[in-house]
Amino acid sequence: MKKVAKIAISLGKDTLMAVEKERKIRGENRSEFFRQAVEKFLKKERESSAIKDYIRGYREMPESTEEIEAMHRIGSAVLAGEPWE
């Protein structure tokens, strides 16, 4: 089993009631519910950060006109060889 750490968190009554309702519907205990919620949040944050890095890089170094024209020529050549019917 992976090494685990126990934590304590404070929630407002309404939030706790919403968590309890949702976890019961899913058939999960509290630990599993919060573990999955945190893992989803962290994954979303990593993906968001990667997208922001990509956009920043693209803005700093966009394709040149020559590169765009070359991609159009290559794409047109590839698509021309496809059996469209």
C-alpha atoms as a PDB file:
ATOM      1  CA  MET A   1       0.000   0.000   0.000  1.00  0.00           C
ATOM      2  CA  LYS A   2       1.195   3.521  -0.758  1.00  0.00           C
ATOM      3  CA  LYS A   3       2.309   5.632   2.157  1.00  0.00           C
ATOM      4  CA  VAL A   4      -0.532   7.907   3.180  1.00  0.00           C
ATOM      5  CA  ALA A   5      -0.934  10.922   5.432  1.00  0.00           C
ATOM      6  CA  LYS A   6      -4.051  11.873   7.303  1.00  0.00           C
ATOM      7  CA  ILE A   7      -5.179  15.478   7.230  1.00  0.00           C
ATOM      8  CA  ALA A   8      -7.956  17.473   8.818  1.00  0.00           C
ATOM      9  CA  ILE A   9      -9.929  20.118   6.962  1.00  0.00           C
ATOM     10  CA  SER A  10     -12.648  22.532   7.963  1.00  0.00           C
ATOM     11  CA  LEU A  11     -15.773  22.880   5.841  1.00  0.00           C
ATOM     12  CA  GLY A  12     -18.837  25.004   6.158  1.00  0.00           C
ATOM     13  CA  LYS A  13     -22.034  23.150   7.026  1.00  0.00           C
ATOM     14  CA  ASP A  14     -23.543  23.600   3.546  1.00  0.00           C
ATOM     15  CA  THR A  15     -20.374  22.355   1.850  1.00  0.00           C
ATOM     16  CA  LEU A  16     -20.185  19.332   4.136  1.00  0.00           C
ATOM     17  CA  MET A  17     -23.833  18.497   3.457  1.00  0.00           C
ATOM     18  CA  ALA A  18     -23.217  18.719  -0.304  1.00  0.00           C
ATOM     19  CA  VAL A  19     -20.140  16.469   0.011  1.00  0.00           C
ATOM     20  CA  GLU A  20     -22.035  13.930   2.077  1.00  0.00           C
ATOM     21  CA  LYS A  21     -24.893  13.827  -0.418  1.00  0.00           C
ATOM     22  CA  GLU A  22     -22.578  13.409  -3.414  1.00  0.00           C
ATOM     23  CA  ARG A  23     -20.294  10.807  -1.858  1.00  0.00           C
ATOM     24  CA  LYS A  24     -23.264   8.722  -0.752  1.00  0.00           C
ATOM     25  CA  ILE A  25     -24.663   8.800  -4.289  1.00  0.00           C
ATOM     26  CA  ARG A  26     -21.275   7.611  -5.561  1.00  0.00           C
ATOM     27  CA  GLY A  27     -20.907   5.019  -2.822  1.00  0.00           C
ATOM     28  CA  GLU A  28     -17.582   6.471  -1.664  1.00  0.00           C
ATOM     29  CA  ASN A  29     -16.169   7.172   1.750  1.00  0.00           C
ATOM     30  CA  ARG A  30     -14.942  10.679   2.562  1.00  0.00           C
ATOM     31  CA  SER A  31     -11.295   9.850   2.017  1.00  0.00           C
ATOM     32  CA  GLU A  32     -11.947   8.494  -1.458  1.00  0.00           C
ATOM     33  CA  PHE A  33     -14.189  11.422  -2.357  1.00  0.00           C
ATOM     34  CA  PHE A  34     -11.613  14.030  -1.354  1.00  0.00           C
ATOM     35  CA  ARG A  35      -8.693  12.069  -2.834  1.00  0.00           C
ATOM     36  CA  GLN A  36     -10.415  11.949  -6.220  1.00  0.00           C
ATOM     37  CA  ALA A  37     -11.440  15.614  -6.001  1.00  0.00           C
ATOM     38  CA  VAL A  38      -7.879  16.720  -5.242  1.00  0.00           C
ATOM     39  CA  GLU A  39      -6.393  14.504  -7.975  1.00  0.00           C
ATOM     40  CA  LYS A  40      -8.833  15.922 -10.552  1.00  0.00           C
ATOM     41  CA  PHE A  41      -8.065  19.469  -9.440  1.00  0.00           C
ATOM     42  CA  LEU A  42      -4.295  18.930  -9.660  1.00  0.00           C
ATOM     43  CA  LYS A  43      -4.580  17.300 -13.089  1.00  0.00           C
ATOM     44  CA  LYS A  44      -6.674  20.223 -14.345  1.00  0.00           C
ATOM     45  CA  GLU A  45      -4.108  22.697 -12.985  1.00  0.00           C
ATOM     46  CA  ARG A  46      -1.212  20.847 -14.706  1.00  0.00           C
ATOM     47  CA  GLU A  47      -3.104  20.790 -17.996  1.00  0.00           C
ATOM     48  CA  SER A  48      -3.992  24.469 -17.686  1.00  0.00           C
ATOM     49  CA  SER A  49      -0.371  25.342 -16.975  1.00  0.00           C
ATOM     50  CA  ALA A  50       0.818  23.328 -19.996  1.00  0.00           C
ATOM     51  CA  ILE A  51      -1.677  25.110 -22.253  1.00  0.00           C
ATOM     52  CA  LYS A  52      -0.586  28.507 -20.944  1.00  0.00           C
ATOM     53  CA  ASP A  53       3.071  27.573 -21.579  1.00  0.00           C
ATOM     54  CA  TYR A  54       2.230  26.485 -25.130  1.00  0.00           C
ATOM     55  CA  ILE A  55       0.347  29.721 -25.853  1.00  0.00           C
ATOM     56  CA  ARG A  56       3.123  31.847 -24.372  1.00  0.00           C
ATOM     57  CA  GLY A  57       5.721  29.999 -26.459  1.00  0.00           C
ATOM     58  CA  TYR A  58       3.660  30.363 -29.609  1.00  0.00           C
ATOM     59  CA  ARG A  59       3.223  34.094 -29.020  1.00  0.00           C
ATOM     60  CA  GLU A  60       6.950  34.496 -28.441  1.00  0.00           C
ATOM     61  CA  MET A  61       7.883  32.481 -31.534  1.00  0.00           C
ATOM     62  CA  PRO A  62       4.991  32.114 -34.021  1.00  0.00           C
ATOM     63  CA  GLU A  63       5.433  30.406 -37.377  1.00  0.00           C
ATOM     64  CA  SER A  64       6.901  32.433 -40.166  1.00  0.00           C
ATOM     65  CA  THR A  65       4.994  33.069 -43.383  1.00  0.00           C
ATOM     66  CA  GLU A  66       7.319  30.582 -45.108  1.00  0.00           C
ATOM     67  CA  GLU A  67       6.550  27.883 -42.537  1.00  0.00           C
ATOM     68  CA  ILE A  68       2.810  28.423 -42.890  1.00  0.00           C
ATOM     69  CA  GLU A  69       3.004  28.215 -46.683  1.00  0.00           C
ATOM     70  CA  ALA A  70       5.119  25.044 -46.460  1.00  0.00           C
ATOM     71  CA  MET A  71       2.526  23.421 -44.146  1.00  0.00           C
ATOM     72  CA  HIS A  72      -0.258  24.319 -46.570  1.00  0.00           C
ATOM     73  CA  ARG A  73       1.656  22.749 -49.466  1.00  0.00           C
ATOM     74  CA  ILE A  74       2.404  19.590 -47.488  1.00  0.00           C
ATOM     75  CA  GLY A  75      -1.159  19.335 -46.198  1.00  0.00           C
ATOM     76  CA  SER A  76      -2.598  19.823 -49.673  1.00  0.00           C
ATOM     77  CA  ALA A  77      -0.293  17.142 -51.083  1.00  0.00           C
ATOM     78  CA  VAL A  78      -1.219  14.662 -48.333  1.00  0.00           C
ATOM     79  CA  LEU A  79      -4.945  15.302 -48.663  1.00  0.00           C
ATOM     80  CA  ALA A  80      -4.791  15.051 -52.461  1.00  0.00           C
ATOM     81  CA  GLY A  81      -3.642  11.452 -52.074  1.00  0.00           C
ATOM     82  CA  GLU A  82      -6.607  10.451 -49.909  1.00  0.00           C
ATOM     83  CA  PRO A  83      -9.475   8.412 -51.380  1.00  0.00           C
ATOM     84  CA  TRP A  84     -12.349  10.800 -50.709  1.00  0.00           C
ATOM     85  CA  GLU A  85     -15.086   8.726 -52.246  1.00  0.00           C
END
